[in-house]
Amino acid sequence: MADLLTATQLAELRARWVFDRVDGTASPPVYLSIYNKRFSKQFFADADLQVMARRARKRWGAAIGDGVSEAYSEVIHTSGGGGFAAQPDNQAISLVSSDPTDVGMEVTLYGTTYGTAAVVKETMTLNGATPVVTSKTDWGTLLAAVNVITPYDPVGVITPKGTVSISTAGGQPITTLDSVTTSRGFQTAGRLIAGLPITAMVGSVIPEVGLKVYDDEITAQADAASTAQVGLLGVGPDGAELLDSMALSGIVPVGPSKAFARLDAVLTGAVGEDLTITLLARDVGPYEGEELLLAGIQVLAFETYLGSDEYAAALEDTTRADQVRKGWETRIQSDLKKLAPADQRAGFADIVR
């Protein structure tokens, strides 16, 4: 029986899809997986991968044969608006506590520069009952104010004893923080939708949260008429922190101008409290037949890993065993979305968590 995969495709499959490669001639040797390093060998022979290619084509022949898989969307986040009472509109922002002992507490403000959608942040240190004013004097829209991102209170962070009033430099009240409500307009995004479980972002107070969105197209919409600005906080494809915002268009989906690899928070302070914001991730497709074939092989390979006693033995010496298995499971579900007929995709949003 003729092979379906060329040598180039086999190399790509091992490197990018099944993570099963050993190169003992390199210095140092190259191992793509815990199994490869533990046993100094590859899990699958080339002949095994060719067999899985034929099985994948037989199982998902309709999608692979067409060479195209329709795009799909799923809800990845919903939250209410923050309901800030006013906006700076080209002013600085002032912070003051009702308790003179609230000295040294830090509050991070997220917002836009006046006249733009660009999101910036500034961290302020309180001086008790003496007002402190931001160095930035041209805030446009304040999107969020954060002392501690509840419930992820890191050790050593000072929470307020009194009520912290946040106002425009001109004296208009915007919002408040206190010992119970330590953030306003900051909605953490904590459901995993693809890839490995999230680890803490360096320098962040958000441990183990975030949505892996890769190159999915993210859109936001409200449940009623609104043109309020909504911000996004996450990580870009280069691994650096990424901030962006977009103006809502009511129930019509709108998207940010920047591409996120991971979404950590939605900044909703400028949106009315009576509104609900929904974020969707859309796998933009279409997929070429070759990519669908490789995705099908990945499903079969990861299912094999999950059922393998030998692979389980390779994972015994690592604390990441559960993360690795979860990564396989979530990637299987992501691949199955691409390979499933459109009328069978409805249940996937509830499966992938």
Protein backbone atom coordinates (compact mmCIF):
# COMPACT_ATOMS: atom_id res chain seq x y z
CA MET A 1 0.00 0.00 0.00
CA ALA A 2 1.39 3.40 -1.02
CA ASP A 3 2.52 5.77 1.71
CA LEU A 4 0.45 8.94 2.17
CA LEU A 5 3.20 11.00 3.85
CA THR A 6 6.38 12.25 2.23
CA ALA A 7 9.66 12.50 4.13
CA THR A 8 9.09 16.25 4.50
CA GLN A 9 5.61 15.68 5.90
CA LEU A 10 6.91 13.07 8.33
CA ALA A 11 9.51 15.52 9.61
CA GLU A 12 6.88 18.24 10.06
CA LEU A 13 4.54 15.77 11.73
CA ARG A 14 7.17 14.77 14.29
CA ALA A 15 8.27 18.35 14.99
CA ARG A 16 4.95 20.21 15.10
CA TRP A 17 2.16 17.71 15.59
CA VAL A 18 3.14 14.57 17.53
CA PHE A 19 6.34 15.87 19.23
CA ASP A 20 8.26 12.66 18.75
CA ARG A 21 11.81 13.15 17.54
CA VAL A 22 15.29 12.17 18.65
CA ASP A 23 18.45 13.53 17.02
CA GLY A 24 21.43 11.91 18.68
CA THR A 25 23.88 13.44 16.21
CA ALA A 26 23.16 16.98 17.44
CA SER A 27 25.23 18.51 20.23
CA PRO A 28 23.54 18.48 22.66
CA PRO A 29 21.13 15.72 21.49
CA VAL A 30 17.62 16.90 20.55
CA TYR A 31 14.63 15.39 22.36
CA LEU A 32 11.16 16.75 21.61
CA SER A 33 9.29 15.00 24.42
CA ILE A 34 9.71 13.66 27.92
CA TYR A 35 9.40 10.16 26.45
CA ASN A 36 12.16 10.81 23.90
CA LYS A 37 14.53 12.04 26.60
CA ARG A 38 13.66 9.29 29.11
CA PHE A 39 14.18 6.38 26.69
CA SER A 40 16.43 8.03 24.03
CA LYS A 41 14.17 6.77 21.27
CA GLN A 42 11.16 7.79 19.26
CA PHE A 43 7.72 6.48 20.26
CA PHE A 44 6.45 5.97 16.70
CA ALA A 45 8.28 4.43 13.78
CA ASP A 46 7.72 6.08 10.39
CA ALA A 47 5.63 3.05 9.41
CA ASP A 48 3.36 3.65 12.42
CA LEU A 49 2.72 7.22 11.30
CA GLN A 50 1.92 6.07 7.77
CA VAL A 51 -0.65 3.64 9.18
CA MET A 52 -2.21 6.45 11.24
CA ALA A 53 -2.34 8.63 8.13
CA ARG A 54 -4.45 5.99 6.37
CA ARG A 55 -6.67 5.62 9.44
CA ALA A 56 -7.12 9.40 9.67
CA ARG A 57 -8.05 9.67 6.00
CA LYS A 58 -10.58 6.87 6.42
CA ARG A 59 -12.09 8.35 9.59
CA TRP A 60 -12.26 12.00 8.47
CA GLY A 61 -12.18 11.55 4.72
CA ALA A 62 -14.96 14.02 4.00
CA ALA A 63 -13.18 16.96 5.62
CA ILE A 64 -9.70 15.97 4.45
CA GLY A 65 -10.89 15.24 0.93
CA ASP A 66 -12.61 18.59 0.59
CA GLY A 67 -9.49 20.31 1.87
CA VAL A 68 -11.62 22.84 3.71
CA SER A 69 -13.18 23.03 7.18
CA GLU A 70 -15.70 25.76 7.89
CA ALA A 71 -14.83 28.30 10.55
CA TYR A 72 -16.49 27.96 13.95
CA SER A 73 -17.04 30.31 16.88
CA GLU A 74 -17.46 29.68 20.59
CA VAL A 75 -18.16 31.83 23.62
CA ILE A 76 -15.01 32.15 25.71
CA HIS A 77 -16.00 34.81 28.25
CA THR A 78 -19.01 36.74 29.57
CA SER A 79 -19.06 39.49 32.19
CA GLY A 80 -21.03 42.52 33.27
CA GLY A 81 -19.97 46.12 32.78
CA GLY A 82 -17.97 47.97 35.43
CA GLY A 83 -20.23 51.00 35.39
CA PHE A 84 -17.69 53.76 36.08
CA ALA A 85 -19.54 56.97 36.89
CA ALA A 86 -17.34 59.33 34.84
CA GLN A 87 -14.34 59.33 32.50
CA PRO A 88 -11.22 61.54 32.52
CA ASP A 89 -11.58 62.73 28.90
CA ASN A 90 -8.09 64.21 28.54
CA GLN A 91 -7.34 64.70 32.25
CA ALA A 92 -5.13 63.17 34.91
CA ILE A 93 -6.60 60.86 37.55
CA SER A 94 -6.54 61.41 41.32
CA LEU A 95 -6.57 58.78 44.08
CA VAL A 96 -7.12 59.31 47.81
CA SER A 97 -8.12 57.13 50.79
CA SER A 98 -10.54 57.92 53.58
CA ASP A 99 -8.00 56.37 56.00
CA PRO A 100 -4.76 58.33 56.60
CA THR A 101 -2.91 55.05 57.35
CA ASP A 102 -3.41 53.79 53.79
CA VAL A 103 0.16 54.63 52.83
CA GLY A 104 2.16 52.51 50.40
CA MET A 105 -0.79 50.66 48.85
CA GLU A 106 -0.49 50.31 45.09
CA VAL A 107 -3.30 50.69 42.56
CA THR A 108 -2.78 49.98 38.87
CA LEU A 109 -4.92 51.92 36.41
CA TYR A 110 -5.64 50.66 32.89
CA GLY A 111 -7.03 53.00 30.29
CA THR A 112 -6.67 54.62 26.91
CA THR A 113 -4.77 57.68 25.82
CA TYR A 114 -7.19 60.43 24.86
CA GLY A 115 -8.29 60.21 21.23
CA THR A 116 -6.88 56.70 20.67
CA ALA A 117 -7.71 53.05 21.38
CA ALA A 118 -4.17 52.41 22.68
CA VAL A 119 -4.25 51.00 26.23
CA VAL A 120 -1.65 52.01 28.81
CA LYS A 121 -1.27 51.40 32.52
CA GLU A 122 0.13 53.36 35.44
CA THR A 123 0.70 52.12 38.99
CA MET A 124 0.10 54.63 41.77
CA THR A 125 1.25 54.46 45.42
CA LEU A 126 -1.30 55.87 47.86
CA ASN A 127 -0.39 58.47 50.44
CA GLY A 128 -3.28 58.00 52.85
CA ALA A 129 -5.72 60.90 52.96
CA THR A 130 -3.42 63.04 50.79
CA PRO A 131 -4.42 62.83 47.11
CA VAL A 132 -1.93 61.49 44.56
CA VAL A 133 -2.25 62.35 40.88
CA THR A 134 -1.12 60.31 37.87
CA SER A 135 1.85 61.48 35.86
CA LYS A 136 -0.22 60.78 32.77
CA THR A 137 -2.37 63.82 32.11
CA ASP A 138 -4.19 62.72 28.94
CA TRP A 139 -6.24 59.71 29.99
CA GLY A 140 -9.14 59.14 27.62
CA THR A 141 -11.16 56.24 29.05
CA LEU A 142 -10.40 54.52 32.35
CA LEU A 143 -11.02 50.80 31.81
CA ALA A 144 -10.02 49.23 35.13
CA ALA A 145 -8.53 49.95 38.55
CA VAL A 146 -6.76 47.14 40.39
CA ASN A 147 -5.33 46.80 43.88
CA VAL A 148 -5.55 43.01 44.16
CA ILE A 149 -7.14 40.79 41.56
CA THR A 150 -9.58 38.93 43.78
CA PRO A 151 -9.41 36.07 44.65
CA TYR A 152 -5.74 35.77 43.71
CA ASP A 153 -4.35 37.92 46.56
CA PRO A 154 -0.56 37.52 46.54
CA VAL A 155 1.29 37.48 49.82
CA GLY A 156 2.56 40.91 50.85
CA VAL A 157 0.14 43.05 48.84
CA ILE A 158 -1.36 45.85 50.94
CA THR A 159 -5.15 46.17 50.80
CA PRO A 160 -6.90 49.38 51.86
CA LYS A 161 -8.27 50.00 55.34
CA GLY A 162 -10.45 52.84 54.12
CA THR A 163 -12.31 53.61 50.91
CA VAL A 164 -10.07 54.63 48.01
CA SER A 165 -11.76 57.24 45.84
CA ILE A 166 -10.66 57.45 42.20
CA SER A 167 -11.64 60.68 40.47
CA THR A 168 -10.75 62.86 37.52
CA ALA A 169 -8.26 65.65 38.22
CA GLY A 170 -11.25 67.98 37.93
CA GLY A 171 -13.00 66.25 40.85
CA GLN A 172 -15.57 64.01 39.13
CA PRO A 173 -15.91 60.66 40.98
CA ILE A 174 -15.09 57.64 38.78
CA THR A 175 -15.12 54.62 41.11
CA THR A 176 -13.94 53.34 44.50
CA LEU A 177 -11.95 50.47 45.97
CA ASP A 178 -11.99 49.08 49.51
CA SER A 179 -10.85 46.05 51.49
CA VAL A 180 -13.59 43.89 49.95
CA THR A 181 -13.75 45.24 46.41
CA THR A 182 -10.06 45.40 45.47
CA SER A 183 -10.58 45.75 41.72
CA ARG A 184 -13.10 47.45 39.48
CA GLY A 185 -13.67 46.76 35.80
CA PHE A 186 -11.11 43.93 35.79
CA GLN A 187 -12.58 40.57 34.77
CA THR A 188 -10.11 37.68 34.79
CA ALA A 189 -10.38 35.19 31.94
CA GLY A 190 -9.79 31.80 33.47
CA ARG A 191 -11.10 29.05 31.18
CA LEU A 192 -8.63 27.05 29.13
CA ILE A 193 -9.63 26.47 25.51
CA ALA A 194 -6.50 25.05 23.90
CA GLY A 195 -2.96 24.00 24.59
CA LEU A 196 -1.29 23.31 27.91
CA PRO A 197 -2.61 24.68 31.22
CA ILE A 198 -1.58 28.28 31.82
CA THR A 199 1.32 29.14 34.11
CA ALA A 200 1.66 32.41 35.98
CA MET A 201 2.70 35.40 33.92
CA VAL A 202 6.05 36.70 35.15
CA GLY A 203 5.55 39.77 37.34
CA SER A 204 1.80 39.34 37.36
CA VAL A 205 -0.58 38.83 40.26
CA ILE A 206 -2.69 36.42 38.22
CA PRO A 207 -1.53 32.84 38.87
CA GLU A 208 -2.81 29.94 36.78
CA VAL A 209 -5.38 31.82 34.73
CA GLY A 210 -5.81 32.88 31.13
CA LEU A 211 -7.24 31.66 27.87
CA LYS A 212 -4.96 30.25 25.21
CA VAL A 213 -6.43 31.74 22.04
CA TYR A 214 -3.46 31.29 19.68
CA ASP A 215 -4.36 32.95 16.37
CA ASP A 216 -8.13 32.73 16.82
CA GLU A 217 -10.08 35.83 15.87
CA ILE A 218 -11.46 37.42 19.07
CA THR A 219 -14.61 39.54 18.98
CA ALA A 220 -16.68 41.29 21.64
CA GLN A 221 -20.32 42.32 21.68
CA ALA A 222 -22.89 43.69 24.14
CA ASP A 223 -26.44 42.49 24.69
CA ALA A 224 -27.84 45.95 23.90
CA ALA A 225 -26.85 49.22 22.26
CA SER A 226 -23.45 50.50 23.45
CA THR A 227 -20.37 52.18 21.99
CA ALA A 228 -18.34 51.91 25.21
CA GLN A 229 -14.66 51.03 25.08
CA VAL A 230 -13.63 47.51 26.19
CA GLY A 231 -10.02 46.61 26.93
CA LEU A 232 -8.12 43.34 26.65
CA LEU A 233 -5.03 42.29 28.62
CA GLY A 234 -2.99 39.29 27.61
CA VAL A 235 0.10 38.07 25.84
CA GLY A 236 1.04 38.43 22.19
CA PRO A 237 2.63 35.85 19.90
CA ASP A 238 6.08 37.05 21.04
CA GLY A 239 5.30 36.25 24.70
CA ALA A 240 5.23 39.91 25.78
CA GLU A 241 2.35 41.55 27.64
CA LEU A 242 -0.22 42.92 25.20
CA LEU A 243 -2.95 45.54 25.75
CA ASP A 244 -5.61 46.68 23.31
CA SER A 245 -9.16 48.01 23.24
CA MET A 246 -12.10 48.39 20.91
CA ALA A 247 -15.34 50.36 20.90
CA LEU A 248 -18.43 48.19 21.18
CA SER A 249 -21.03 48.31 18.44
CA GLY A 250 -23.99 46.97 20.39
CA ILE A 251 -24.87 43.42 19.41
CA VAL A 252 -22.58 43.54 16.36
CA PRO A 253 -19.26 41.74 17.05
CA VAL A 254 -16.12 43.90 16.93
CA GLY A 255 -12.52 42.86 17.33
CA PRO A 256 -9.19 44.31 18.55
CA SER A 257 -6.52 45.46 16.12
CA LYS A 258 -3.84 43.28 17.75
CA ALA A 259 -3.46 39.49 17.73
CA PHE A 260 -3.48 37.76 21.13
CA ALA A 261 -1.92 34.39 21.91
CA ARG A 262 -3.35 34.41 25.42
CA LEU A 263 -6.13 36.44 27.01
CA ASP A 264 -5.80 37.17 30.74
CA ALA A 265 -8.43 39.81 31.47
CA VAL A 266 -11.27 41.85 30.01
CA LEU A 267 -11.35 45.50 31.10
CA THR A 268 -14.97 46.61 31.43
CA GLY A 269 -15.03 49.76 33.56
CA ALA A 270 -16.37 51.99 30.79
CA VAL A 271 -19.32 49.69 30.09
CA GLY A 272 -22.62 50.22 31.88
CA GLU A 273 -23.46 47.89 34.76
CA ASP A 274 -26.74 46.93 33.06
CA LEU A 275 -24.93 45.42 30.07
CA THR A 276 -23.40 41.98 29.52
CA ILE A 277 -20.30 41.64 27.38
CA THR A 278 -19.66 38.42 25.47
CA LEU A 279 -16.32 37.47 23.92
CA LEU A 280 -16.08 34.88 21.18
CA ALA A 281 -13.10 33.12 19.63
CA ARG A 282 -13.48 32.26 15.98
CA ASP A 283 -11.20 29.72 14.34
CA VAL A 284 -10.79 31.55 11.08
CA GLY A 285 -9.98 28.59 8.80
CA PRO A 286 -10.17 27.39 6.13
CA TYR A 287 -7.79 24.48 6.47
CA GLU A 288 -5.93 22.85 3.62
CA GLY A 289 -6.38 19.12 3.21
CA GLU A 290 -2.79 18.44 4.28
CA GLU A 291 -3.24 20.32 7.55
CA LEU A 292 -6.46 18.43 8.27
CA LEU A 293 -4.70 15.14 7.63
CA LEU A 294 -1.92 16.07 10.06
CA ALA A 295 -4.52 17.15 12.64
CA GLY A 296 -6.23 13.79 12.29
CA ILE A 297 -2.93 11.98 12.84
CA GLN A 298 -2.31 14.16 15.90
CA VAL A 299 -5.65 13.04 17.38
CA LEU A 300 -4.74 9.38 16.88
CA ALA A 301 -1.21 9.90 18.24
CA PHE A 302 -2.36 11.71 21.38
CA GLU A 303 -5.05 9.08 21.99
CA THR A 304 -2.26 6.49 21.76
CA TYR A 305 -0.10 8.41 24.23
CA LEU A 306 -2.99 8.64 26.70
CA GLY A 307 -3.50 4.87 26.61
CA SER A 308 0.16 3.87 26.68
CA ASP A 309 1.66 2.31 29.83
CA GLU A 310 5.14 2.95 28.40
CA TYR A 311 4.43 6.66 28.00
CA ALA A 312 2.93 6.73 31.50
CA ALA A 313 6.23 5.35 32.81
CA ALA A 314 8.07 8.15 31.04
CA LEU A 315 5.93 10.70 32.85
CA GLU A 316 6.53 9.25 36.31
CA ASP A 317 9.63 11.38 36.92
CA THR A 318 8.00 14.72 36.12
CA THR A 319 5.65 16.96 38.09
CA ARG A 320 4.08 18.05 34.78
CA ALA A 321 2.42 14.72 34.00
CA ASP A 322 -1.12 16.03 34.55
CA GLN A 323 -0.37 19.14 32.50
CA VAL A 324 0.96 17.06 29.62
CA ARG A 325 -2.09 14.78 29.62
CA LYS A 326 -4.44 17.77 29.83
CA GLY A 327 -2.59 19.32 26.91
CA TRP A 328 -3.18 16.21 24.81
CA GLU A 329 -6.86 16.10 25.74
CA THR A 330 -7.54 19.76 24.93
CA ARG A 331 -5.63 19.58 21.65
CA ILE A 332 -7.62 16.48 20.65
CA GLN A 333 -10.84 18.42 21.17
CA SER A 334 -9.50 21.39 19.20
CA ASP A 335 -8.53 19.13 16.29
CA LEU A 336 -11.89 17.37 16.33
CA LYS A 337 -13.60 20.72 15.81
CA LYS A 338 -11.66 21.22 12.60
CA LEU A 339 -12.43 17.71 11.39
CA ALA A 340 -16.13 17.51 12.34
CA PRO A 341 -18.96 18.40 9.95
CA ALA A 342 -20.47 21.81 10.71
CA ASP A 343 -23.76 20.34 11.97
CA GLN A 344 -21.92 18.29 14.60
CA ARG A 345 -19.97 21.10 16.24
CA ALA A 346 -22.66 22.41 18.60
CA GLY A 347 -21.54 20.38 21.61
CA PHE A 348 -17.86 21.18 21.47
CA ALA A 349 -18.08 24.49 23.34
CA ASP A 350 -19.23 22.58 26.42
CA ILE A 351 -16.51 19.95 26.09
CA VAL A 352 -13.41 22.09 25.81
CA ARG A 353 -12.81 23.80 29.14
